[in-house]
Amino acid sequence: MPTISCDSKYLFKLIGKEFTEKEFDEVCFQYGIELDDVVEEDGKTIYKIEVGANRYDLLCVEGIAICLKTFLKMKEFPKYTVKSSGIQIHVGKDVEKVRPICMGAVLRGITFTEESYKRYTEVITFVLMSIADAATNLRRPEEGLIKLKDSKTLEFQTARKSLLSGMMKCLYYNKAYPMPIRMFEVGDTVSLKEGSLTGAVNRQQVCALVCSPTGLMEEIHGLLDKIMFCYGIGYKNPRKEGGPHYDIVPGNDPAYMEGRRADIMINGVKYGMFGVLHPEVLKNFEVDNPVVALELYLDFPNGL
């Protein structure tokens, strides 16, 4: 534990009250720190105070004085008045359009019953993650990941290229809840792009998954159809002349099971995939039941 040395007279002056050594030792004990030793240096009485390693606010004599003064009710808690509603969050048109489609499954009927809790739940996951979660655990290659130089922890080594990893970790922490578990997220992902100012580009993505012993492939497929319908994208044929259309073709993403995976093509360009996650992926994230997932980028053609 860190030990802070401070002049007792200066400390008592900051607190606004004198203490005997025994009294101060008792105050420290009650607050949760420890008067470890008392020494004389250059004619001054020096208190050596042991503080918790997680209390960075106590690493100086001023910090100790403020905390003890507040603890002894010799200092009033500051009061603040909120003058505004805070930072305004700007939601893009693409996110604004797709979120209600998934949220409608949560709010259908409005009443919060046992049945309503079985609908999709929106989650928000970290933008940064480990390389293992972003690639290895999904059976995907590391190529294309944007890696942080000198990352502080193993959990924050790279920016997410897909929302799926974060959602699988979220599923792991909530797998004790009754099945099926349905979750979705709409957020930014980061991909490399040659020629851009930063060498990378943000892409909005929607990701949804269903965890169930029966593996509800048709449910995630139905969610895809609903999203496309609301965007006015027809299946195989445009809904209007010159409009976009999508198709589902066999996929090859290693995160999904062979024969149970498909790529989503819009005007012949791949915009996502869906299918049953590979058993190795489930094992890597310690999920015991089958999971079907949908990943779809929202930067559709023609500004949709």
C-alpha atoms as a PDB file:
ATOM      1  CA  MET A   1       0.000   0.000   0.000  1.00  0.00           C
ATOM      2  CA  PRO A   2       1.272   3.557  -0.706  1.00  0.00           C
ATOM      3  CA  THR A   3       2.581   5.486   2.298  1.00  0.00           C
ATOM      4  CA  ILE A   4       2.250   9.277   2.282  1.00  0.00           C
ATOM      5  CA  SER A   5       4.563  11.401   4.446  1.00  0.00           C
ATOM      6  CA  CYS A   6       3.203  14.757   5.614  1.00  0.00           C
ATOM      7  CA  ASP A   7       4.001  17.465   8.143  1.00  0.00           C
ATOM      8  CA  SER A   8       1.472  17.101  10.980  1.00  0.00           C
ATOM      9  CA  LYS A   9       1.192  20.881  11.540  1.00  0.00           C
ATOM     10  CA  TYR A  10       0.512  21.546   7.854  1.00  0.00           C
ATOM     11  CA  LEU A  11      -2.004  18.697   7.746  1.00  0.00           C
ATOM     12  CA  PHE A  12      -3.872  19.956  10.818  1.00  0.00           C
ATOM     13  CA  LYS A  13      -3.869  23.480   9.356  1.00  0.00           C
ATOM     14  CA  LEU A  14      -5.545  22.188   6.172  1.00  0.00           C
ATOM     15  CA  ILE A  15      -8.090  20.208   8.205  1.00  0.00           C
ATOM     16  CA  GLY A  16      -8.747  23.161  10.512  1.00  0.00           C
ATOM     17  CA  LYS A  17      -8.349  21.230  13.754  1.00  0.00           C
ATOM     18  CA  GLU A  18      -5.527  20.008  16.010  1.00  0.00           C
ATOM     19  CA  PHE A  19      -5.317  16.353  17.065  1.00  0.00           C
ATOM     20  CA  THR A  20      -3.173  14.363  19.453  1.00  0.00           C
ATOM     21  CA  GLU A  21      -1.354  11.412  17.949  1.00  0.00           C
ATOM     22  CA  LYS A  22      -3.866   9.002  19.515  1.00  0.00           C
ATOM     23  CA  GLU A  23      -6.867  11.044  18.323  1.00  0.00           C
ATOM     24  CA  PHE A  24      -5.536  11.267  14.789  1.00  0.00           C
ATOM     25  CA  ASP A  25      -4.778   7.535  14.735  1.00  0.00           C
ATOM     26  CA  GLU A  26      -8.409   6.868  15.707  1.00  0.00           C
ATOM     27  CA  VAL A  27      -9.745   9.219  13.004  1.00  0.00           C
ATOM     28  CA  CYS A  28      -7.620   7.483  10.373  1.00  0.00           C
ATOM     29  CA  PHE A  29      -8.837   4.062  11.531  1.00  0.00           C
ATOM     30  CA  GLN A  30     -12.490   5.139  11.357  1.00  0.00           C
ATOM     31  CA  TYR A  31     -11.992   6.575   7.864  1.00  0.00           C
ATOM     32  CA  GLY A  32     -10.245   3.449   6.557  1.00  0.00           C
ATOM     33  CA  ILE A  33      -6.604   4.551   6.357  1.00  0.00           C
ATOM     34  CA  GLU A  34      -3.766   3.916   8.811  1.00  0.00           C
ATOM     35  CA  LEU A  35      -1.299   6.102  10.667  1.00  0.00           C
ATOM     36  CA  ASP A  36       1.645   3.787  10.062  1.00  0.00           C
ATOM     37  CA  ASP A  37       4.443   5.683  11.820  1.00  0.00           C
ATOM     38  CA  VAL A  38       5.378   9.003  13.425  1.00  0.00           C
ATOM     39  CA  VAL A  39       8.947  10.309  13.030  1.00  0.00           C
ATOM     40  CA  GLU A  40      10.835  13.537  13.719  1.00  0.00           C
ATOM     41  CA  GLU A  41      12.625  15.109  10.735  1.00  0.00           C
ATOM     42  CA  ASP A  42      14.319  18.539  10.834  1.00  0.00           C
ATOM     43  CA  GLY A  43      12.336  19.505  13.887  1.00  0.00           C
ATOM     44  CA  LYS A  44       9.006  18.565  12.288  1.00  0.00           C
ATOM     45  CA  THR A  45       6.629  15.803  13.280  1.00  0.00           C
ATOM     46  CA  ILE A  46       6.073  13.705  10.200  1.00  0.00           C
ATOM     47  CA  TYR A  47       3.052  11.428   9.929  1.00  0.00           C
ATOM     48  CA  LYS A  48       3.430   8.448   7.625  1.00  0.00           C
ATOM     49  CA  ILE A  49      -0.083   7.539   6.498  1.00  0.00           C
ATOM     50  CA  GLU A  50      -0.852   4.312   4.649  1.00  0.00           C
ATOM     51  CA  VAL A  51      -3.658   4.667   2.085  1.00  0.00           C
ATOM     52  CA  GLY A  52      -5.437   2.262  -0.255  1.00  0.00           C
ATOM     53  CA  ALA A  53      -3.768   1.576  -3.592  1.00  0.00           C
ATOM     54  CA  ASN A  54      -6.997   2.463  -5.408  1.00  0.00           C
ATOM     55  CA  ARG A  55      -7.380   5.833  -3.663  1.00  0.00           C
ATOM     56  CA  TYR A  56      -5.509   8.099  -6.030  1.00  0.00           C
ATOM     57  CA  ASP A  57      -7.228  11.087  -4.385  1.00  0.00           C
ATOM     58  CA  LEU A  58      -5.226  10.411  -1.185  1.00  0.00           C
ATOM     59  CA  LEU A  59      -1.756  10.462  -2.726  1.00  0.00           C
ATOM     60  CA  CYS A  60      -1.007  13.991  -1.432  1.00  0.00           C
ATOM     61  CA  VAL A  61      -1.461  15.779   1.898  1.00  0.00           C
ATOM     62  CA  GLU A  62      -4.104  18.091   0.421  1.00  0.00           C
ATOM     63  CA  GLY A  63      -6.184  15.137  -0.700  1.00  0.00           C
ATOM     64  CA  ILE A  64      -5.989  13.494   2.735  1.00  0.00           C
ATOM     65  CA  ALA A  65      -6.995  16.764   4.406  1.00  0.00           C
ATOM     66  CA  ILE A  66     -10.032  17.295   2.167  1.00  0.00           C
ATOM     67  CA  CYS A  67     -11.257  13.724   2.673  1.00  0.00           C
ATOM     68  CA  LEU A  68     -10.824  13.769   6.456  1.00  0.00           C
ATOM     69  CA  LYS A  69     -12.411  17.200   6.729  1.00  0.00           C
ATOM     70  CA  THR A  70     -15.439  15.954   4.774  1.00  0.00           C
ATOM     71  CA  PHE A  71     -15.544  12.732   6.828  1.00  0.00           C
ATOM     72  CA  LEU A  72     -15.581  14.746  10.069  1.00  0.00           C
ATOM     73  CA  LYS A  73     -18.438  16.882   8.674  1.00  0.00           C
ATOM     74  CA  MET A  74     -16.271  19.998   8.886  1.00  0.00           C
ATOM     75  CA  LYS A  75     -16.752  20.610   5.179  1.00  0.00           C
ATOM     76  CA  GLU A  76     -20.043  20.713   3.295  1.00  0.00           C
ATOM     77  CA  PHE A  77     -20.521  18.635   0.197  1.00  0.00           C
ATOM     78  CA  PRO A  78     -20.402  20.840  -2.907  1.00  0.00           C
ATOM     79  CA  LYS A  79     -23.728  21.532  -4.555  1.00  0.00           C
ATOM     80  CA  TYR A  80     -24.064  21.967  -8.296  1.00  0.00           C
ATOM     81  CA  THR A  81     -26.937  23.126 -10.444  1.00  0.00           C
ATOM     82  CA  VAL A  82     -27.431  21.553 -13.865  1.00  0.00           C
ATOM     83  CA  LYS A  83     -27.824  24.409 -16.352  1.00  0.00           C
ATOM     84  CA  SER A  84     -28.464  22.329 -19.430  1.00  0.00           C
ATOM     85  CA  SER A  85     -29.589  18.887 -20.451  1.00  0.00           C
ATOM     86  CA  GLY A  86     -26.003  17.869 -21.138  1.00  0.00           C
ATOM     87  CA  ILE A  87     -24.354  16.775 -24.351  1.00  0.00           C
ATOM     88  CA  GLN A  88     -26.742  16.313 -27.231  1.00  0.00           C
ATOM     89  CA  ILE A  89     -26.441  12.927 -28.891  1.00  0.00           C
ATOM     90  CA  HIS A  90     -26.794  13.068 -32.660  1.00  0.00           C
ATOM     91  CA  VAL A  91     -28.321   9.953 -34.168  1.00  0.00           C
ATOM     92  CA  GLY A  92     -27.739   9.430 -37.891  1.00  0.00           C
ATOM     93  CA  LYS A  93     -30.588   8.653 -40.231  1.00  0.00           C
ATOM     94  CA  ASP A  94     -29.371   5.101 -40.797  1.00  0.00           C
ATOM     95  CA  VAL A  95     -29.377   4.316 -37.067  1.00  0.00           C
ATOM     96  CA  GLU A  96     -32.627   6.204 -36.550  1.00  0.00           C
ATOM     97  CA  LYS A  97     -34.284   4.015 -39.143  1.00  0.00           C
ATOM     98  CA  VAL A  98     -33.092   0.567 -38.098  1.00  0.00           C
ATOM     99  CA  ARG A  99     -33.255   0.851 -34.275  1.00  0.00           C
ATOM    100  CA  PRO A 100     -37.088   1.030 -34.019  1.00  0.00           C
ATOM    101  CA  ILE A 101     -37.351  -2.159 -36.068  1.00  0.00           C
ATOM    102  CA  CYS A 102     -35.482  -4.101 -33.405  1.00  0.00           C
ATOM    103  CA  MET A 103     -36.812  -2.063 -30.477  1.00  0.00           C
ATOM    104  CA  GLY A 104     -40.333  -2.765 -31.620  1.00  0.00           C
ATOM    105  CA  ALA A 105     -39.759  -6.344 -30.515  1.00  0.00           C
ATOM    106  CA  VAL A 106     -39.068  -5.061 -27.002  1.00  0.00           C
ATOM    107  CA  LEU A 107     -41.909  -2.572 -26.785  1.00  0.00           C
ATOM    108  CA  ARG A 108     -44.561  -4.595 -28.600  1.00  0.00           C
ATOM    109  CA  GLY A 109     -47.726  -4.228 -26.538  1.00  0.00           C
ATOM    110  CA  ILE A 110     -45.941  -1.734 -24.198  1.00  0.00           C
ATOM    111  CA  THR A 111     -46.904  -3.777 -21.115  1.00  0.00           C
ATOM    112  CA  PHE A 112     -43.874  -5.298 -19.382  1.00  0.00           C
ATOM    113  CA  THR A 113     -44.970  -8.884 -18.939  1.00  0.00           C
ATOM    114  CA  GLU A 114     -43.023 -12.133 -18.900  1.00  0.00           C
ATOM    115  CA  GLU A 115     -43.678 -12.409 -22.608  1.00  0.00           C
ATOM    116  CA  SER A 116     -42.345  -8.922 -23.363  1.00  0.00           C
ATOM    117  CA  TYR A 117     -39.058  -9.727 -21.654  1.00  0.00           C
ATOM    118  CA  LYS A 118     -38.497 -12.450 -24.241  1.00  0.00           C
ATOM    119  CA  ARG A 119     -38.126  -9.864 -27.024  1.00  0.00           C
ATOM    120  CA  TYR A 120     -34.915  -8.284 -28.274  1.00  0.00           C
ATOM    121  CA  THR A 121     -32.976  -6.204 -25.763  1.00  0.00           C
ATOM    122  CA  GLU A 122     -30.651  -3.420 -26.910  1.00  0.00           C
ATOM    123  CA  VAL A 123     -27.120  -3.526 -25.522  1.00  0.00           C
ATOM    124  CA  ILE A 124     -24.134  -1.176 -25.739  1.00  0.00           C
ATOM    125  CA  THR A 125     -20.662  -2.742 -25.789  1.00  0.00           C
ATOM    126  CA  PHE A 126     -17.085  -1.419 -25.725  1.00  0.00           C
ATOM    127  CA  VAL A 127     -15.561   0.002 -28.903  1.00  0.00           C
ATOM    128  CA  LEU A 128     -12.131  -1.344 -27.908  1.00  0.00           C
ATOM    129  CA  MET A 129     -11.408  -5.006 -27.264  1.00  0.00           C
ATOM    130  CA  SER A 130      -8.649  -7.595 -27.227  1.00  0.00           C
ATOM    131  CA  ILE A 131      -7.230  -9.008 -30.455  1.00  0.00           C
ATOM    132  CA  ALA A 132      -8.319 -12.464 -29.269  1.00  0.00           C
ATOM    133  CA  ASP A 133     -11.960 -11.366 -28.981  1.00  0.00           C
ATOM    134  CA  ALA A 134     -11.893  -9.417 -32.246  1.00  0.00           C
ATOM    135  CA  ALA A 135     -10.329 -12.192 -34.320  1.00  0.00           C
ATOM    136  CA  THR A 136      -9.108 -15.447 -32.772  1.00  0.00           C
ATOM    137  CA  ASN A 137     -12.220 -16.206 -30.718  1.00  0.00           C
ATOM    138  CA  LEU A 138     -14.377 -15.627 -33.803  1.00  0.00           C
ATOM    139  CA  ARG A 139     -12.098 -17.835 -35.941  1.00  0.00           C
ATOM    140  CA  ARG A 140     -11.362 -14.781 -38.089  1.00  0.00           C
ATOM    141  CA  PRO A 141      -7.934 -13.527 -39.240  1.00  0.00           C
ATOM    142  CA  GLU A 142      -6.207 -10.561 -37.612  1.00  0.00           C
ATOM    143  CA  GLU A 143      -5.635  -8.860 -40.966  1.00  0.00           C
ATOM    144  CA  GLY A 144      -7.590  -5.633 -41.249  1.00  0.00           C
ATOM    145  CA  LEU A 145      -7.739  -4.916 -37.513  1.00  0.00           C
ATOM    146  CA  ILE A 146      -6.746  -1.440 -36.349  1.00  0.00           C
ATOM    147  CA  LYS A 147      -4.367  -2.145 -33.459  1.00  0.00           C
ATOM    148  CA  LEU A 148      -3.492   0.336 -30.715  1.00  0.00           C
ATOM    149  CA  LYS A 149       0.167   0.992 -30.065  1.00  0.00           C
ATOM    150  CA  ASP A 150       1.205   0.339 -26.444  1.00  0.00           C
ATOM    151  CA  SER A 151      -2.326  -0.524 -25.314  1.00  0.00           C
ATOM    152  CA  LYS A 152      -2.814  -0.203 -21.557  1.00  0.00           C
ATOM    153  CA  THR A 153      -4.450  -3.607 -21.061  1.00  0.00           C
ATOM    154  CA  LEU A 154      -5.034  -6.780 -23.046  1.00  0.00           C
ATOM    155  CA  GLU A 155      -8.748  -5.951 -23.114  1.00  0.00           C
ATOM    156  CA  PHE A 156      -8.216  -2.801 -25.189  1.00  0.00           C
ATOM    157  CA  GLN A 157      -5.833  -3.705 -27.992  1.00  0.00           C
ATOM    158  CA  THR A 158      -7.878  -2.947 -31.094  1.00  0.00           C
ATOM    159  CA  ALA A 159     -10.932  -1.082 -32.318  1.00  0.00           C
ATOM    160  CA  ARG A 160     -13.878  -3.328 -33.105  1.00  0.00           C
ATOM    161  CA  LYS A 161     -14.343  -4.352 -36.709  1.00  0.00           C
ATOM    162  CA  SER A 162     -17.641  -6.022 -35.884  1.00  0.00           C
ATOM    163  CA  LEU A 163     -20.203  -5.736 -33.101  1.00  0.00           C
ATOM    164  CA  LEU A 164     -20.442  -9.512 -32.741  1.00  0.00           C
ATOM    165  CA  SER A 165     -17.478  -9.952 -30.370  1.00  0.00           C
ATOM    166  CA  GLY A 166     -18.790  -7.467 -27.822  1.00  0.00           C
ATOM    167  CA  MET A 167     -22.248  -8.994 -27.975  1.00  0.00           C
ATOM    168  CA  MET A 168     -20.864 -12.495 -27.394  1.00  0.00           C
ATOM    169  CA  LYS A 169     -19.049 -11.260 -24.282  1.00  0.00           C
ATOM    170  CA  CYS A 170     -22.285  -9.623 -23.149  1.00  0.00           C
ATOM    171  CA  LEU A 171     -24.065 -12.920 -23.744  1.00  0.00           C
ATOM    172  CA  TYR A 172     -21.448 -14.751 -21.663  1.00  0.00           C
ATOM    173  CA  TYR A 173     -22.123 -12.484 -18.670  1.00  0.00           C
ATOM    174  CA  ASN A 174     -25.888 -12.957 -19.031  1.00  0.00           C
ATOM    175  CA  LYS A 175     -26.128 -16.623 -20.050  1.00  0.00           C
ATOM    176  CA  ALA A 176     -27.709 -17.533 -16.705  1.00  0.00           C
ATOM    177  CA  TYR A 177     -30.949 -15.816 -17.734  1.00  0.00           C
ATOM    178  CA  PRO A 178     -33.850 -17.896 -19.111  1.00  0.00           C
ATOM    179  CA  MET A 179     -33.657 -18.903 -22.760  1.00  0.00           C
ATOM    180  CA  PRO A 180     -34.070 -17.707 -25.405  1.00  0.00           C
ATOM    181  CA  ILE A 181     -31.887 -14.607 -25.028  1.00  0.00           C
ATOM    182  CA  ARG A 182     -32.348 -12.020 -27.775  1.00  0.00           C
ATOM    183  CA  MET A 183     -30.038  -9.005 -28.073  1.00  0.00           C
ATOM    184  CA  PHE A 184     -29.164  -6.379 -30.643  1.00  0.00           C
ATOM    185  CA  GLU A 185     -26.833  -3.402 -30.991  1.00  0.00           C
ATOM    186  CA  VAL A 186     -26.507  -0.568 -33.484  1.00  0.00           C
ATOM    187  CA  GLY A 187     -23.148   1.206 -33.447  1.00  0.00           C
ATOM    188  CA  ASP A 188     -19.891   2.193 -35.112  1.00  0.00           C
ATOM    189  CA  THR A 189     -17.269  -0.232 -36.334  1.00  0.00           C
ATOM    190  CA  VAL A 190     -13.850   0.649 -37.724  1.00  0.00           C
ATOM    191  CA  SER A 191     -12.342  -0.730 -40.921  1.00  0.00           C
ATOM    192  CA  LEU A 192      -9.157  -0.009 -42.849  1.00  0.00           C
ATOM    193  CA  LYS A 193      -9.599   2.013 -46.039  1.00  0.00           C
ATOM    194  CA  GLU A 194      -6.775   3.005 -48.350  1.00  0.00           C
ATOM    195  CA  GLY A 195      -6.882   6.575 -49.580  1.00  0.00           C
ATOM    196  CA  SER A 196      -8.854   7.961 -46.634  1.00  0.00           C
ATOM    197  CA  LEU A 197      -7.376  10.751 -44.506  1.00  0.00           C
ATOM    198  CA  THR A 198      -6.736   8.471 -41.523  1.00  0.00           C
ATOM    199  CA  GLY A 199      -6.381   5.194 -43.388  1.00  0.00           C
ATOM    200  CA  ALA A 200      -9.585   3.965 -41.764  1.00  0.00           C
ATOM    201  CA  VAL A 201     -13.319   4.543 -41.945  1.00  0.00           C
ATOM    202  CA  ASN A 202     -16.262   4.262 -39.550  1.00  0.00           C
ATOM    203  CA  ARG A 203     -19.114   2.019 -40.658  1.00  0.00           C
ATOM    204  CA  GLN A 204     -22.469   1.774 -38.938  1.00  0.00           C
ATOM    205  CA  GLN A 205     -23.540  -1.784 -38.258  1.00  0.00           C
ATOM    206  CA  VAL A 206     -26.517  -3.555 -36.739  1.00  0.00           C
ATOM    207  CA  CYS A 207     -25.895  -6.868 -35.036  1.00  0.00           C
ATOM    208  CA  ALA A 208     -28.539  -9.131 -33.516  1.00  0.00           C
ATOM    209  CA  LEU A 209     -28.333 -12.575 -31.975  1.00  0.00           C
ATOM    210  CA  VAL A 210     -30.594 -15.204 -30.490  1.00  0.00           C
ATOM    211  CA  CYS A 211     -29.269 -17.754 -28.009  1.00  0.00           C
ATOM    212  CA  SER A 212     -31.542 -20.756 -27.644  1.00  0.00           C
ATOM    213  CA  PRO A 213     -31.266 -24.542 -27.309  1.00  0.00           C
ATOM    214  CA  THR A 214     -33.261 -24.840 -30.547  1.00  0.00           C
ATOM    215  CA  GLY A 215     -31.213 -22.338 -32.609  1.00  0.00           C
ATOM    216  CA  LEU A 216     -33.886 -20.063 -34.104  1.00  0.00           C
ATOM    217  CA  MET A 217     -32.412 -19.520 -37.596  1.00  0.00           C
ATOM    218  CA  GLU A 218     -35.785 -18.509 -39.045  1.00  0.00           C
ATOM    219  CA  GLU A 219     -36.189 -15.763 -36.437  1.00  0.00           C
ATOM    220  CA  ILE A 220     -32.957 -13.960 -37.311  1.00  0.00           C
ATOM    221  CA  HIS A 221     -33.801 -14.408 -41.004  1.00  0.00           C
ATOM    222  CA  GLY A 222     -37.185 -12.795 -40.367  1.00  0.00           C
ATOM    223  CA  LEU A 223     -35.493  -9.824 -38.660  1.00  0.00           C
ATOM    224  CA  LEU A 224     -33.301  -9.346 -41.748  1.00  0.00           C
ATOM    225  CA  ASP A 225     -36.362  -9.400 -44.015  1.00  0.00           C
ATOM    226  CA  LYS A 226     -38.078  -6.820 -41.817  1.00  0.00           C
ATOM    227  CA  ILE A 227     -35.076  -4.480 -41.863  1.00  0.00           C
ATOM    228  CA  MET A 228     -34.822  -4.718 -45.645  1.00  0.00           C
ATOM    229  CA  PHE A 229     -38.563  -4.151 -46.067  1.00  0.00           C
ATOM    230  CA  CYS A 230     -38.428  -0.985 -43.936  1.00  0.00           C
ATOM    231  CA  TYR A 231     -35.508   0.307 -45.996  1.00  0.00           C
ATOM    232  CA  GLY A 232     -37.420  -0.319 -49.206  1.00  0.00           C
ATOM    233  CA  ILE A 233     -34.952  -2.939 -50.439  1.00  0.00           C
ATOM    234  CA  GLY A 234     -36.651  -5.702 -52.386  1.00  0.00           C
ATOM    235  CA  TYR A 235     -35.680  -9.364 -52.289  1.00  0.00           C
ATOM    236  CA  LYS A 236     -33.970 -10.313 -55.583  1.00  0.00           C
ATOM    237  CA  ASN A 237     -36.001  -7.696 -57.465  1.00  0.00           C
ATOM    238  CA  PRO A 238     -36.218  -3.928 -56.794  1.00  0.00           C
ATOM    239  CA  ARG A 239     -39.450  -2.789 -55.165  1.00  0.00           C
ATOM    240  CA  LYS A 240     -39.398   0.216 -57.472  1.00  0.00           C
ATOM    241  CA  GLU A 241     -37.685   0.922 -60.771  1.00  0.00           C
ATOM    242  CA  GLY A 242     -33.995   1.628 -60.272  1.00  0.00           C
ATOM    243  CA  GLY A 243     -34.185   0.771 -56.588  1.00  0.00           C
ATOM    244  CA  PRO A 244     -31.850  -1.529 -54.663  1.00  0.00           C
ATOM    245  CA  HIS A 245     -32.408  -5.227 -54.167  1.00  0.00           C
ATOM    246  CA  TYR A 246     -30.802  -7.855 -51.981  1.00  0.00           C
ATOM    247  CA  ASP A 247     -30.074 -11.530 -52.243  1.00  0.00           C
ATOM    248  CA  ILE A 248     -28.869 -14.267 -49.902  1.00  0.00           C
ATOM    249  CA  VAL A 249     -26.016 -16.462 -51.130  1.00  0.00           C
ATOM    250  CA  PRO A 250     -23.931 -19.203 -49.460  1.00  0.00           C
ATOM    251  CA  GLY A 251     -21.298 -17.633 -47.214  1.00  0.00           C
ATOM    252  CA  ASN A 252     -17.767 -18.565 -46.166  1.00  0.00           C
ATOM    253  CA  ASP A 253     -17.245 -16.627 -42.933  1.00  0.00           C
ATOM    254  CA  PRO A 254     -15.384 -18.969 -40.535  1.00  0.00           C
ATOM    255  CA  ALA A 255     -17.297 -17.594 -37.538  1.00  0.00           C
ATOM    256  CA  TYR A 256     -20.392 -19.445 -38.784  1.00  0.00           C
ATOM    257  CA  MET A 257     -21.084 -23.126 -39.406  1.00  0.00           C
ATOM    258  CA  GLU A 258     -20.581 -24.426 -42.931  1.00  0.00           C
ATOM    259  CA  GLY A 259     -23.937 -24.995 -44.596  1.00  0.00           C
ATOM    260  CA  ARG A 260     -25.656 -22.796 -41.997  1.00  0.00           C
ATOM    261  CA  ARG A 261     -24.257 -19.420 -43.054  1.00  0.00           C
ATOM    262  CA  ALA A 262     -25.170 -16.897 -45.710  1.00  0.00           C
ATOM    263  CA  ASP A 263     -23.883 -13.599 -47.111  1.00  0.00           C
ATOM    264  CA  ILE A 264     -26.210 -10.636 -47.621  1.00  0.00           C
ATOM    265  CA  MET A 265     -25.686  -9.037 -51.034  1.00  0.00           C
ATOM    266  CA  ILE A 266     -27.184  -5.649 -51.947  1.00  0.00           C
ATOM    267  CA  ASN A 267     -26.909  -4.824 -55.638  1.00  0.00           C
ATOM    268  CA  GLY A 268     -24.250  -7.523 -55.853  1.00  0.00           C
ATOM    269  CA  VAL A 269     -22.092  -6.115 -53.029  1.00  0.00           C
ATOM    270  CA  LYS A 270     -21.672  -7.899 -49.688  1.00  0.00           C
ATOM    271  CA  TYR A 271     -23.096  -5.891 -46.778  1.00  0.00           C
ATOM    272  CA  GLY A 272     -23.290  -8.539 -44.090  1.00  0.00           C
ATOM    273  CA  MET A 273     -23.916 -12.118 -43.109  1.00  0.00           C
ATOM    274  CA  PHE A 274     -26.037 -14.260 -40.849  1.00  0.00           C
ATOM    275  CA  GLY A 275     -26.183 -17.855 -39.687  1.00  0.00           C
ATOM    276  CA  VAL A 276     -25.466 -20.294 -36.863  1.00  0.00           C
ATOM    277  CA  LEU A 277     -22.236 -19.555 -34.988  1.00  0.00           C
ATOM    278  CA  HIS A 278     -19.536 -22.215 -35.132  1.00  0.00           C
ATOM    279  CA  PRO A 279     -19.213 -24.486 -32.046  1.00  0.00           C
ATOM    280  CA  GLU A 280     -15.590 -23.343 -31.595  1.00  0.00           C
ATOM    281  CA  VAL A 281     -16.792 -19.739 -31.326  1.00  0.00           C
ATOM    282  CA  LEU A 282     -19.288 -20.752 -28.647  1.00  0.00           C
ATOM    283  CA  LYS A 283     -16.537 -22.620 -26.795  1.00  0.00           C
ATOM    284  CA  ASN A 284     -14.161 -19.632 -26.997  1.00  0.00           C
ATOM    285  CA  PHE A 285     -16.783 -17.353 -25.406  1.00  0.00           C
ATOM    286  CA  GLU A 286     -17.938 -20.083 -22.980  1.00  0.00           C
ATOM    287  CA  VAL A 287     -21.511 -20.075 -24.262  1.00  0.00           C
ATOM    288  CA  ASP A 288     -23.279 -23.415 -23.858  1.00  0.00           C
ATOM    289  CA  ASN A 289     -26.279 -23.044 -26.192  1.00  0.00           C
ATOM    290  CA  PRO A 290     -26.488 -22.507 -29.980  1.00  0.00           C
ATOM    291  CA  VAL A 291     -26.446 -18.902 -31.195  1.00  0.00           C
ATOM    292  CA  VAL A 292     -27.756 -17.495 -34.467  1.00  0.00           C
ATOM    293  CA  ALA A 293     -26.504 -14.041 -35.401  1.00  0.00           C
ATOM    294  CA  LEU A 294     -26.986 -11.289 -37.963  1.00  0.00           C
ATOM    295  CA  GLU A 295     -24.333  -8.717 -38.939  1.00  0.00           C
ATOM    296  CA  LEU A 296     -25.383  -6.003 -41.371  1.00  0.00           C
ATOM    297  CA  TYR A 297     -23.617  -2.793 -42.391  1.00  0.00           C
ATOM    298  CA  LEU A 298     -25.945   0.171 -42.813  1.00  0.00           C
ATOM    299  CA  ASP A 299     -24.036   2.284 -45.340  1.00  0.00           C
ATOM    300  CA  PHE A 300     -26.428   1.171 -48.050  1.00  0.00           C
ATOM    301  CA  PRO A 301     -26.120   2.359 -51.680  1.00  0.00           C
ATOM    302  CA  ASN A 302     -27.952   5.421 -52.983  1.00  0.00           C
ATOM    303  CA  GLY A 303     -27.952   7.046 -49.541  1.00  0.00           C
ATOM    304  CA  LEU A 304     -30.549   4.701 -48.041  1.00  0.00           C
END
